[in-house]
Full PDB file with SEQRES, HELIX, SHEET, SSBOND, CRYST1, ORIGX, SCALE, CONECT and MASTER records, all heavy atoms in Angstrom:
SEQRES   1 A   38  GLU THR GLU GLY ASN ALA LEU PRO CYS GLU VAL ARG ARG          
SEQRES   2 A   38  VAL VAL THR GLN HIS THR ASP ALA THR VAL LEU LEU SER          
SEQRES   3 A   38  CYS ASP GLY ILE GLY ARG LEU THR ALA ARG VAL ASP              
SHEET    1 AA1 3 CYS A   9  THR A  16  0                                        
SHEET    2 AA1 3 ALA A  21  CYS A  27 -1                                        
SHEET    3 AA1 3 GLY A  31  VAL A  37 -1                                        
CRYST1    1.000    1.000    1.000  90.00  90.00  90.00 P 1           1          
ORIGX1      1.000000  0.000000  0.000000        0.00000                         
ORIGX2      0.000000  1.000000  0.000000        0.00000                         
ORIGX3      0.000000  0.000000  1.000000        0.00000                         
SCALE1      1.000000  0.000000  0.000000        0.00000                         
SCALE2      0.000000  1.000000  0.000000        0.00000                         
SCALE3      0.000000  0.000000  1.000000        0.00000                         
ATOM      1  N   GLU A   1       2.784  -8.483   8.626  1.00  0.00           N  
ATOM      2  CA  GLU A   1       2.773  -7.874   9.956  1.00  0.00           C  
ATOM      3  C   GLU A   1       3.770  -6.713  10.003  1.00  0.00           C  
ATOM      4  O   GLU A   1       4.928  -6.860   9.600  1.00  0.00           O  
ATOM      5  CB  GLU A   1       3.131  -8.912  11.009  1.00  0.00           C  
ATOM      6  CG  GLU A   1       3.014  -8.389  12.427  1.00  0.00           C  
ATOM      7  CD  GLU A   1       3.252  -9.475  13.463  1.00  0.00           C  
ATOM      8  OE1 GLU A   1       3.279 -10.660  13.068  1.00  0.00           O  
ATOM      9  OE2 GLU A   1       3.408  -9.133  14.649  1.00  0.00           O  
ATOM     10  N   THR A   2       3.307  -5.563  10.465  1.00  0.00           N  
ATOM     11  CA  THR A   2       4.155  -4.376  10.548  1.00  0.00           C  
ATOM     12  C   THR A   2       4.007  -3.736  11.923  1.00  0.00           C  
ATOM     13  O   THR A   2       3.078  -4.034  12.673  1.00  0.00           O  
ATOM     14  CB  THR A   2       3.774  -3.336   9.474  1.00  0.00           C  
ATOM     15  OG1 THR A   2       2.397  -2.946   9.665  1.00  0.00           O  
ATOM     16  CG2 THR A   2       3.953  -3.902   8.076  1.00  0.00           C  
ATOM     17  N   GLU A   3       4.938  -2.852  12.257  1.00  0.00           N  
ATOM     18  CA  GLU A   3       4.887  -2.103  13.496  1.00  0.00           C  
ATOM     19  C   GLU A   3       4.700  -0.626  13.186  1.00  0.00           C  
ATOM     20  O   GLU A   3       5.172  -0.127  12.173  1.00  0.00           O  
ATOM     21  CB  GLU A   3       6.171  -2.303  14.307  1.00  0.00           C  
ATOM     22  CG  GLU A   3       6.370  -3.727  14.799  1.00  0.00           C  
ATOM     23  CD  GLU A   3       7.599  -3.875  15.664  1.00  0.00           C  
ATOM     24  OE1 GLU A   3       8.297  -2.853  15.870  1.00  0.00           O  
ATOM     25  OE2 GLU A   3       7.868  -4.997  16.140  1.00  0.00           O  
ATOM     26  N   GLY A   4       4.004   0.078  14.086  1.00  0.00           N  
ATOM     27  CA  GLY A   4       3.794   1.502  13.891  1.00  0.00           C  
ATOM     28  C   GLY A   4       2.447   1.785  13.264  1.00  0.00           C  
ATOM     29  O   GLY A   4       1.543   0.949  13.233  1.00  0.00           O  
ATOM     30  N   ASN A   5       2.302   2.994  12.752  1.00  0.00           N  
ATOM     31  CA  ASN A   5       1.064   3.402  12.087  1.00  0.00           C  
ATOM     32  C   ASN A   5       0.962   2.719  10.729  1.00  0.00           C  
ATOM     33  O   ASN A   5       1.879   2.818   9.911  1.00  0.00           O  
ATOM     34  CB  ASN A   5       1.058   4.920  11.900  1.00  0.00           C  
ATOM     35  CG  ASN A   5       1.081   5.655  13.230  1.00  0.00           C  
ATOM     36  OD1 ASN A   5       0.092   5.678  13.950  1.00  0.00           O  
ATOM     37  ND2 ASN A   5       2.220   6.259  13.556  1.00  0.00           N  
ATOM     38  N   ALA A   6      -0.125   2.024  10.488  1.00  0.00           N  
ATOM     39  CA  ALA A   6      -0.321   1.295   9.228  1.00  0.00           C  
ATOM     40  C   ALA A   6      -1.425   1.969   8.423  1.00  0.00           C  
ATOM     41  O   ALA A   6      -2.553   2.107   8.898  1.00  0.00           O  
ATOM     42  CB  ALA A   6      -0.666  -0.162   9.504  1.00  0.00           C  
ATOM     43  N   LEU A   7      -1.103   2.373   7.197  1.00  0.00           N  
ATOM     44  CA  LEU A   7      -2.037   3.126   6.365  1.00  0.00           C  
ATOM     45  C   LEU A   7      -2.244   2.398   5.037  1.00  0.00           C  
ATOM     46  O   LEU A   7      -1.330   2.338   4.196  1.00  0.00           O  
ATOM     47  CB  LEU A   7      -1.486   4.534   6.093  1.00  0.00           C  
ATOM     48  CG  LEU A   7      -1.082   5.345   7.333  1.00  0.00           C  
ATOM     49  CD1 LEU A   7      -0.344   6.594   6.924  1.00  0.00           C  
ATOM     50  CD2 LEU A   7      -2.318   5.685   8.148  1.00  0.00           C  
ATOM     51  N   PRO A   8      -3.432   1.816   4.811  1.00  0.00           N  
ATOM     52  CA  PRO A   8      -3.702   1.203   3.499  1.00  0.00           C  
ATOM     53  C   PRO A   8      -3.644   2.267   2.398  1.00  0.00           C  
ATOM     54  O   PRO A   8      -4.129   3.386   2.571  1.00  0.00           O  
ATOM     55  CB  PRO A   8      -5.121   0.646   3.661  1.00  0.00           C  
ATOM     56  CG  PRO A   8      -5.335   0.541   5.134  1.00  0.00           C  
ATOM     57  CD  PRO A   8      -4.561   1.670   5.736  1.00  0.00           C  
ATOM     58  N   CYS A   9      -3.047   1.924   1.283  1.00  0.00           N  
ATOM     59  CA  CYS A   9      -2.903   2.914   0.209  1.00  0.00           C  
ATOM     60  C   CYS A   9      -2.789   2.222  -1.141  1.00  0.00           C  
ATOM     61  O   CYS A   9      -2.640   1.004  -1.234  1.00  0.00           O  
ATOM     62  CB  CYS A   9      -1.675   3.788   0.453  1.00  0.00           C  
ATOM     63  SG  CYS A   9      -0.137   2.861   0.585  1.00  0.00           S  
ATOM     64  N   GLU A  10      -2.847   3.061  -2.174  1.00  0.00           N  
ATOM     65  CA  GLU A  10      -2.702   2.578  -3.540  1.00  0.00           C  
ATOM     66  C   GLU A  10      -1.616   3.380  -4.230  1.00  0.00           C  
ATOM     67  O   GLU A  10      -1.527   4.607  -4.069  1.00  0.00           O  
ATOM     68  CB  GLU A  10      -4.019   2.718  -4.296  1.00  0.00           C  
ATOM     69  CG  GLU A  10      -3.948   2.216  -5.743  1.00  0.00           C  
ATOM     70  CD  GLU A  10      -5.282   2.372  -6.460  1.00  0.00           C  
ATOM     71  OE1 GLU A  10      -6.328   2.209  -5.804  1.00  0.00           O  
ATOM     72  OE2 GLU A  10      -5.272   2.678  -7.676  1.00  0.00           O  
ATOM     73  N   VAL A  11      -0.779   2.693  -4.974  1.00  0.00           N  
ATOM     74  CA  VAL A  11       0.312   3.356  -5.689  1.00  0.00           C  
ATOM     75  C   VAL A  11      -0.242   4.100  -6.894  1.00  0.00           C  
ATOM     76  O   VAL A  11      -0.960   3.519  -7.718  1.00  0.00           O  
ATOM     77  CB  VAL A  11       1.376   2.328  -6.140  1.00  0.00           C  
ATOM     78  CG1 VAL A  11       2.479   3.034  -6.945  1.00  0.00           C  
ATOM     79  CG2 VAL A  11       1.952   1.599  -4.939  1.00  0.00           C  
ATOM     80  N   ARG A  12       0.065   5.381  -6.983  1.00  0.00           N  
ATOM     81  CA  ARG A  12      -0.350   6.179  -8.124  1.00  0.00           C  
ATOM     82  C   ARG A  12       0.749   6.292  -9.177  1.00  0.00           C  
ATOM     83  O   ARG A  12       0.495   6.262 -10.374  1.00  0.00           O  
ATOM     84  CB  ARG A  12      -0.754   7.578  -7.656  1.00  0.00           C  
ATOM     85  CG  ARG A  12      -2.018   7.606  -6.807  1.00  0.00           C  
ATOM     86  CD  ARG A  12      -3.189   7.048  -7.571  1.00  0.00           C  
ATOM     87  NE  ARG A  12      -4.450   7.200  -6.866  1.00  0.00           N  
ATOM     88  CZ  ARG A  12      -5.584   6.618  -7.214  1.00  0.00           C  
ATOM     89  NH1 ARG A  12      -5.609   5.825  -8.272  1.00  0.00           N  
ATOM     90  NH2 ARG A  12      -6.686   6.803  -6.512  1.00  0.00           N  
ATOM     91  N   ARG A  13       1.991   6.421  -8.702  1.00  0.00           N  
ATOM     92  CA  ARG A  13       3.081   6.649  -9.656  1.00  0.00           C  
ATOM     93  C   ARG A  13       4.405   6.305  -8.984  1.00  0.00           C  
ATOM     94  O   ARG A  13       4.557   6.459  -7.771  1.00  0.00           O  
ATOM     95  CB  ARG A  13       3.093   8.117 -10.105  1.00  0.00           C  
ATOM     96  CG  ARG A  13       4.038   8.432 -11.250  1.00  0.00           C  
ATOM     97  CD  ARG A  13       3.956   9.895 -11.606  1.00  0.00           C  
ATOM     98  NE  ARG A  13       4.893  10.261 -12.648  1.00  0.00           N  
ATOM     99  CZ  ARG A  13       5.259  11.504 -12.932  1.00  0.00           C  
ATOM    100  NH1 ARG A  13       4.738  12.509 -12.247  1.00  0.00           N  
ATOM    101  NH2 ARG A  13       6.119  11.763 -13.880  1.00  0.00           N  
ATOM    102  N   VAL A  14       5.364   5.846  -9.773  1.00  0.00           N  
ATOM    103  CA  VAL A  14       6.718   5.571  -9.282  1.00  0.00           C  
ATOM    104  C   VAL A  14       7.701   6.335 -10.156  1.00  0.00           C  
ATOM    105  O   VAL A  14       7.726   6.161 -11.376  1.00  0.00           O  
ATOM    106  CB  VAL A  14       7.037   4.054  -9.326  1.00  0.00           C  
ATOM    107  CG1 VAL A  14       8.449   3.803  -8.792  1.00  0.00           C  
ATOM    108  CG2 VAL A  14       6.007   3.262  -8.527  1.00  0.00           C  
ATOM    109  N   VAL A  15       8.481   7.198  -9.524  1.00  0.00           N  
ATOM    110  CA  VAL A  15       9.475   7.997 -10.252  1.00  0.00           C  
ATOM    111  C   VAL A  15      10.857   7.551  -9.798  1.00  0.00           C  
ATOM    112  O   VAL A  15      11.227   7.718  -8.629  1.00  0.00           O  
ATOM    113  CB  VAL A  15       9.288   9.503  -9.984  1.00  0.00           C  
ATOM    114  CG1 VAL A  15      10.327  10.307 -10.768  1.00  0.00           C  
ATOM    115  CG2 VAL A  15       7.871   9.938 -10.355  1.00  0.00           C  
ATOM    116  N   THR A  16      11.627   6.967 -10.714  1.00  0.00           N  
ATOM    117  CA  THR A  16      12.928   6.407 -10.369  1.00  0.00           C  
ATOM    118  C   THR A  16      14.037   7.405 -10.632  1.00  0.00           C  
ATOM    119  O   THR A  16      14.100   8.028 -11.698  1.00  0.00           O  
ATOM    120  CB  THR A  16      13.187   5.129 -11.178  1.00  0.00           C  
ATOM    121  OG1 THR A  16      12.127   4.196 -10.925  1.00  0.00           O  
ATOM    122  CG2 THR A  16      14.511   4.502 -10.798  1.00  0.00           C  
ATOM    123  N   GLN A  17      14.918   7.578  -9.621  1.00  0.00           N  
ATOM    124  CA  GLN A  17      16.126   8.373  -9.787  1.00  0.00           C  
ATOM    125  C   GLN A  17      17.323   7.425  -9.852  1.00  0.00           C  
ATOM    126  O   GLN A  17      17.165   6.243 -10.120  1.00  0.00           O  
ATOM    127  CB  GLN A  17      16.263   9.375  -8.639  1.00  0.00           C  
ATOM    128  CG  GLN A  17      15.251  10.520  -8.668  1.00  0.00           C  
ATOM    129  CD  GLN A  17      13.996  10.215  -7.883  1.00  0.00           C  
ATOM    130  OE1 GLN A  17      14.030   9.593  -6.834  1.00  0.00           O  
ATOM    131  NE2 GLN A  17      12.866  10.659  -8.412  1.00  0.00           N  
ATOM    132  N   HIS A  18      18.515   7.963  -9.592  1.00  0.00           N  
ATOM    133  CA  HIS A  18      19.724   7.150  -9.744  1.00  0.00           C  
ATOM    134  C   HIS A  18      19.801   6.045  -8.695  1.00  0.00           C  
ATOM    135  O   HIS A  18      19.947   4.863  -9.010  1.00  0.00           O  
ATOM    136  CB  HIS A  18      20.961   8.049  -9.659  1.00  0.00           C  
ATOM    137  CG  HIS A  18      22.252   7.305  -9.743  1.00  0.00           C  
ATOM    138  ND1 HIS A  18      22.564   6.468 -10.792  1.00  0.00           N  
ATOM    139  CD2 HIS A  18      23.321   7.243  -8.891  1.00  0.00           C  
ATOM    140  CE1 HIS A  18      23.752   5.937 -10.609  1.00  0.00           C  
ATOM    141  NE2 HIS A  18      24.225   6.386  -9.455  1.00  0.00           N  
ATOM    142  N   THR A  19      19.691   6.415  -7.409  1.00  0.00           N  
ATOM    143  CA  THR A  19      19.840   5.422  -6.338  1.00  0.00           C  
ATOM    144  C   THR A  19      18.559   5.188  -5.554  1.00  0.00           C  
ATOM    145  O   THR A  19      18.492   4.261  -4.745  1.00  0.00           O  
ATOM    146  CB  THR A  19      20.936   5.868  -5.344  1.00  0.00           C  
ATOM    147  OG1 THR A  19      20.589   7.136  -4.791  1.00  0.00           O  
ATOM    148  CG2 THR A  19      22.281   5.956  -6.043  1.00  0.00           C  
ATOM    149  N   ASP A  20      17.552   6.032  -5.741  1.00  0.00           N  
ATOM    150  CA  ASP A  20      16.299   5.839  -5.021  1.00  0.00           C  
ATOM    151  C   ASP A  20      15.117   6.140  -5.930  1.00  0.00           C  
ATOM    152  O   ASP A  20      15.292   6.469  -7.101  1.00  0.00           O  
ATOM    153  CB  ASP A  20      16.251   6.690  -3.739  1.00  0.00           C  
ATOM    154  CG  ASP A  20      16.390   8.175  -4.033  1.00  0.00           C  
ATOM    155  OD1 ASP A  20      16.262   8.584  -5.207  1.00  0.00           O  
ATOM    156  OD2 ASP A  20      16.608   8.944  -3.083  1.00  0.00           O  
ATOM    157  N   ALA A  21      13.937   5.984  -5.375  1.00  0.00           N  
ATOM    158  CA  ALA A  21      12.727   6.216  -6.157  1.00  0.00           C  
ATOM    159  C   ALA A  21      11.683   6.883  -5.274  1.00  0.00           C  
ATOM    160  O   ALA A  21      11.609   6.628  -4.069  1.00  0.00           O  
ATOM    161  CB  ALA A  21      12.186   4.907  -6.723  1.00  0.00           C  
ATOM    162  N   THR A  22      10.880   7.747  -5.882  1.00  0.00           N  
ATOM    163  CA  THR A  22       9.777   8.396  -5.192  1.00  0.00           C  
ATOM    164  C   THR A  22       8.488   7.682  -5.573  1.00  0.00           C  
ATOM    165  O   THR A  22       8.196   7.497  -6.755  1.00  0.00           O  
ATOM    166  CB  THR A  22       9.690   9.879  -5.591  1.00  0.00           C  
ATOM    167  OG1 THR A  22      10.897  10.540  -5.192  1.00  0.00           O  
ATOM    168  CG2 THR A  22       8.509  10.560  -4.918  1.00  0.00           C  
ATOM    169  N   VAL A  23       7.726   7.264  -4.553  1.00  0.00           N  
ATOM    170  CA  VAL A  23       6.477   6.556  -4.775  1.00  0.00           C  
ATOM    171  C   VAL A  23       5.339   7.459  -4.315  1.00  0.00           C  
ATOM    172  O   VAL A  23       5.278   7.841  -3.145  1.00  0.00           O  
ATOM    173  CB  VAL A  23       6.436   5.229  -4.003  1.00  0.00           C  
ATOM    174  CG1 VAL A  23       5.143   4.485  -4.313  1.00  0.00           C  
ATOM    175  CG2 VAL A  23       7.646   4.366  -4.351  1.00  0.00           C  
ATOM    176  N   LEU A  24       4.468   7.825  -5.250  1.00  0.00           N  
ATOM    177  CA  LEU A  24       3.306   8.647  -4.939  1.00  0.00           C  
ATOM    178  C   LEU A  24       2.144   7.731  -4.581  1.00  0.00           C  
ATOM    179  O   LEU A  24       1.784   6.835  -5.353  1.00  0.00           O  
ATOM    180  CB  LEU A  24       2.951   9.538  -6.124  1.00  0.00           C  
ATOM    181  CG  LEU A  24       4.064  10.464  -6.620  1.00  0.00           C  
ATOM    182  CD1 LEU A  24       3.580  11.312  -7.789  1.00  0.00           C  
ATOM    183  CD2 LEU A  24       4.580  11.346  -5.500  1.00  0.00           C  
ATOM    184  N   LEU A  25       1.563   7.968  -3.405  1.00  0.00           N  
ATOM    185  CA  LEU A  25       0.540   7.085  -2.855  1.00  0.00           C  
ATOM    186  C   LEU A  25      -0.760   7.834  -2.638  1.00  0.00           C  
ATOM    187  O   LEU A  25      -0.756   9.032  -2.349  1.00  0.00           O  
ATOM    188  CB  LEU A  25       1.009   6.514  -1.517  1.00  0.00           C  
ATOM    189  CG  LEU A  25       2.352   5.801  -1.492  1.00  0.00           C  
ATOM    190  CD1 LEU A  25       2.837   5.644  -0.063  1.00  0.00           C  
ATOM    191  CD2 LEU A  25       2.231   4.434  -2.175  1.00  0.00           C  
ATOM    192  N   SER A  26      -1.861   7.125  -2.724  1.00  0.00           N  
ATOM    193  CA  SER A  26      -3.168   7.624  -2.315  1.00  0.00           C  
ATOM    194  C   SER A  26      -3.620   6.753  -1.150  1.00  0.00           C  
ATOM    195  O   SER A  26      -3.848   5.544  -1.324  1.00  0.00           O  
ATOM    196  CB  SER A  26      -4.168   7.546  -3.469  1.00  0.00           C  
ATOM    197  OG  SER A  26      -5.442   7.982  -3.057  1.00  0.00           O  
ATOM    198  N   CYS A  27      -3.704   7.353   0.038  1.00  0.00           N  
ATOM    199  CA  CYS A  27      -3.978   6.581   1.251  1.00  0.00           C  
ATOM    200  C   CYS A  27      -5.395   6.832   1.747  1.00  0.00           C  
ATOM    201  O   CYS A  27      -5.864   7.980   1.776  1.00  0.00           O  
ATOM    202  CB  CYS A  27      -2.977   6.926   2.344  1.00  0.00           C  
ATOM    203  SG  CYS A  27      -1.301   6.405   1.937  1.00  0.00           S  
ATOM    204  N   ASP A  28      -6.030   5.796   2.195  1.00  0.00           N  
ATOM    205  CA  ASP A  28      -7.412   5.882   2.671  1.00  0.00           C  
ATOM    206  C   ASP A  28      -7.514   6.880   3.825  1.00  0.00           C  
ATOM    207  O   ASP A  28      -6.804   6.780   4.814  1.00  0.00           O  
ATOM    208  CB  ASP A  28      -7.894   4.508   3.157  1.00  0.00           C  
ATOM    209  CG  ASP A  28      -7.998   3.503   2.021  1.00  0.00           C  
ATOM    210  OD1 ASP A  28      -7.901   3.929   0.856  1.00  0.00           O  
ATOM    211  OD2 ASP A  28      -8.166   2.298   2.311  1.00  0.00           O  
ATOM    212  N   GLY A  29      -8.408   7.832   3.682  1.00  0.00           N  
ATOM    213  CA  GLY A  29      -8.671   8.785   4.739  1.00  0.00           C  
ATOM    214  C   GLY A  29      -7.663   9.887   4.883  1.00  0.00           C  
ATOM    215  O   GLY A  29      -7.845  10.810   5.679  1.00  0.00           O  
ATOM    216  N   ILE A  30      -6.551   9.831   4.142  1.00  0.00           N  
ATOM    217  CA  ILE A  30      -5.507  10.851   4.264  1.00  0.00           C  
ATOM    218  C   ILE A  30      -5.296  11.590   2.956  1.00  0.00           C  
ATOM    219  O   ILE A  30      -5.111  12.798   2.930  1.00  0.00           O  
ATOM    220  CB  ILE A  30      -4.180  10.203   4.735  1.00  0.00           C  
ATOM    221  CG1 ILE A  30      -4.304   9.816   6.207  1.00  0.00           C  
ATOM    222  CG2 ILE A  30      -3.009  11.149   4.546  1.00  0.00           C  
ATOM    223  CD1 ILE A  30      -3.045   9.215   6.788  1.00  0.00           C  
ATOM    224  N   GLY A  31      -5.334  10.869   1.878  1.00  0.00           N  
ATOM    225  CA  GLY A  31      -5.059  11.483   0.588  1.00  0.00           C  
ATOM    226  C   GLY A  31      -3.667  11.141   0.113  1.00  0.00           C  
ATOM    227  O   GLY A  31      -3.188  10.021   0.329  1.00  0.00           O  
ATOM    228  N   ARG A  32      -2.989  12.096  -0.478  1.00  0.00           N  
ATOM    229  CA  ARG A  32      -1.698  11.829  -1.107  1.00  0.00           C  
ATOM    230  C   ARG A  32      -0.569  11.810  -0.081  1.00  0.00           C  
ATOM    231  O   ARG A  32      -0.474  12.662   0.793  1.00  0.00           O  
ATOM    232  CB  ARG A  32      -1.410  12.890  -2.167  1.00  0.00           C  
ATOM    233  CG  ARG A  32       0.000  12.829  -2.743  1.00  0.00           C  
ATOM    234  CD  ARG A  32       0.167  13.790  -3.876  1.00  0.00           C  
ATOM    235  NE  ARG A  32       1.571  14.042  -4.160  1.00  0.00           N  
ATOM    236  CZ  ARG A  32       2.020  14.576  -5.288  1.00  0.00           C  
ATOM    237  NH1 ARG A  32       1.167  14.917  -6.231  1.00  0.00           N  
ATOM    238  NH2 ARG A  32       3.303  14.781  -5.470  1.00  0.00           N  
ATOM    239  N   LEU A  33       0.290  10.789  -0.205  1.00  0.00           N  
ATOM    240  CA  LEU A  33       1.537  10.709   0.543  1.00  0.00           C  
ATOM    241  C   LEU A  33       2.670  10.423  -0.428  1.00  0.00           C  
ATOM    242  O   LEU A  33       2.458   9.821  -1.488  1.00  0.00           O  
ATOM    243  CB  LEU A  33       1.488   9.599   1.598  1.00  0.00           C  
ATOM    244  CG  LEU A  33       0.690   9.833   2.880  1.00  0.00           C  
ATOM    245  CD1 LEU A  33       0.828   8.618   3.799  1.00  0.00           C  
ATOM    246  CD2 LEU A  33       1.149  11.094   3.601  1.00  0.00           C  
ATOM    247  N   THR A  34       3.870  10.839  -0.045  1.00  0.00           N  
ATOM    248  CA  THR A  34       5.060  10.570  -0.839  1.00  0.00           C  
ATOM    249  C   THR A  34       6.018   9.730  -0.020  1.00  0.00           C  
ATOM    250  O   THR A  34       6.340  10.085   1.120  1.00  0.00           O  
ATOM    251  CB  THR A  34       5.760  11.878  -1.251  1.00  0.00           C  
ATOM    252  OG1 THR A  34       4.845  12.673  -2.003  1.00  0.00           O  
ATOM    253  CG2 THR A  34       6.987  11.595  -2.083  1.00  0.00           C  
ATOM    254  N   ALA A  35       6.470   8.612  -0.576  1.00  0.00           N  
ATOM    255  CA  ALA A  35       7.461   7.766   0.079  1.00  0.00           C  
ATOM    256  C   ALA A  35       8.714   7.714  -0.781  1.00  0.00           C  
ATOM    257  O   ALA A  35       8.642   7.859  -2.009  1.00  0.00           O  
ATOM    258  CB  ALA A  35       6.908   6.357   0.292  1.00  0.00           C  
ATOM    259  N   ARG A  36       9.865   7.535  -0.137  1.00  0.00           N  
ATOM    260  CA  ARG A  36      11.114   7.401  -0.883  1.00  0.00           C  
ATOM    261  C   ARG A  36      11.757   6.080  -0.501  1.00  0.00           C  
ATOM    262  O   ARG A  36      11.970   5.813   0.685  1.00  0.00           O  
ATOM    263  CB  ARG A  36      12.047   8.566  -0.586  1.00  0.00           C  
ATOM    264  CG  ARG A  36      13.155   8.735  -1.630  1.00  0.00           C  
ATOM    265  CD  ARG A  36      13.621  10.172  -1.727  1.00  0.00           C  
ATOM    266  NE  ARG A  36      12.549  11.026  -2.224  1.00  0.00           N  
ATOM    267  CZ  ARG A  36      12.232  12.190  -1.679  1.00  0.00           C  
ATOM    268  NH1 ARG A  36      12.872  12.637  -0.629  1.00  0.00           N  
ATOM    269  NH2 ARG A  36      11.252  12.915  -2.188  1.00  0.00           N  
ATOM    270  N   VAL A  37      12.044   5.258  -1.503  1.00  0.00           N  
ATOM    271  CA  VAL A  37      12.556   3.918  -1.264  1.00  0.00           C  
ATOM    272  C   VAL A  37      13.803   3.684  -2.102  1.00  0.00           C  
ATOM    273  O   VAL A  37      14.097   4.440  -3.051  1.00  0.00           O  
ATOM    274  CB  VAL A  37      11.492   2.852  -1.609  1.00  0.00           C  
ATOM    275  CG1 VAL A  37      10.237   3.052  -0.772  1.00  0.00           C  
ATOM    276  CG2 VAL A  37      11.148   2.874  -3.103  1.00  0.00           C  
ATOM    277  N   ASP A  38      14.526   2.634  -1.775  1.00  0.00           N  
ATOM    278  CA  ASP A  38      15.691   2.237  -2.558  1.00  0.00           C  
ATOM    279  C   ASP A  38      15.241   1.849  -3.968  1.00  0.00           C  
ATOM    280  O   ASP A  38      14.177   1.251  -4.155  1.00  0.00           O  
ATOM    281  CB  ASP A  38      16.396   1.060  -1.882  1.00  0.00           C  
ATOM    282  CG  ASP A  38      17.708   0.710  -2.562  1.00  0.00           C  
ATOM    283  OD1 ASP A  38      17.662  -0.040  -3.562  1.00  0.00           O  
ATOM    284  OD2 ASP A  38      18.758   1.182  -2.100  1.00  0.00           O  
TER     285      ASP A  38                                                      
MASTER        0    0    0    0    3    0    0    6  284    1    0    3          
END                                                                             
């Protein structure tokens, strides 16, 4: 269960840096999104 806009997606690639990571996503109906996580 989540709050806000919920977008189903598939992970394409994970690029790890020192303290965080960039996650490249392919989202249904939108295309590519980039997320940054711990």
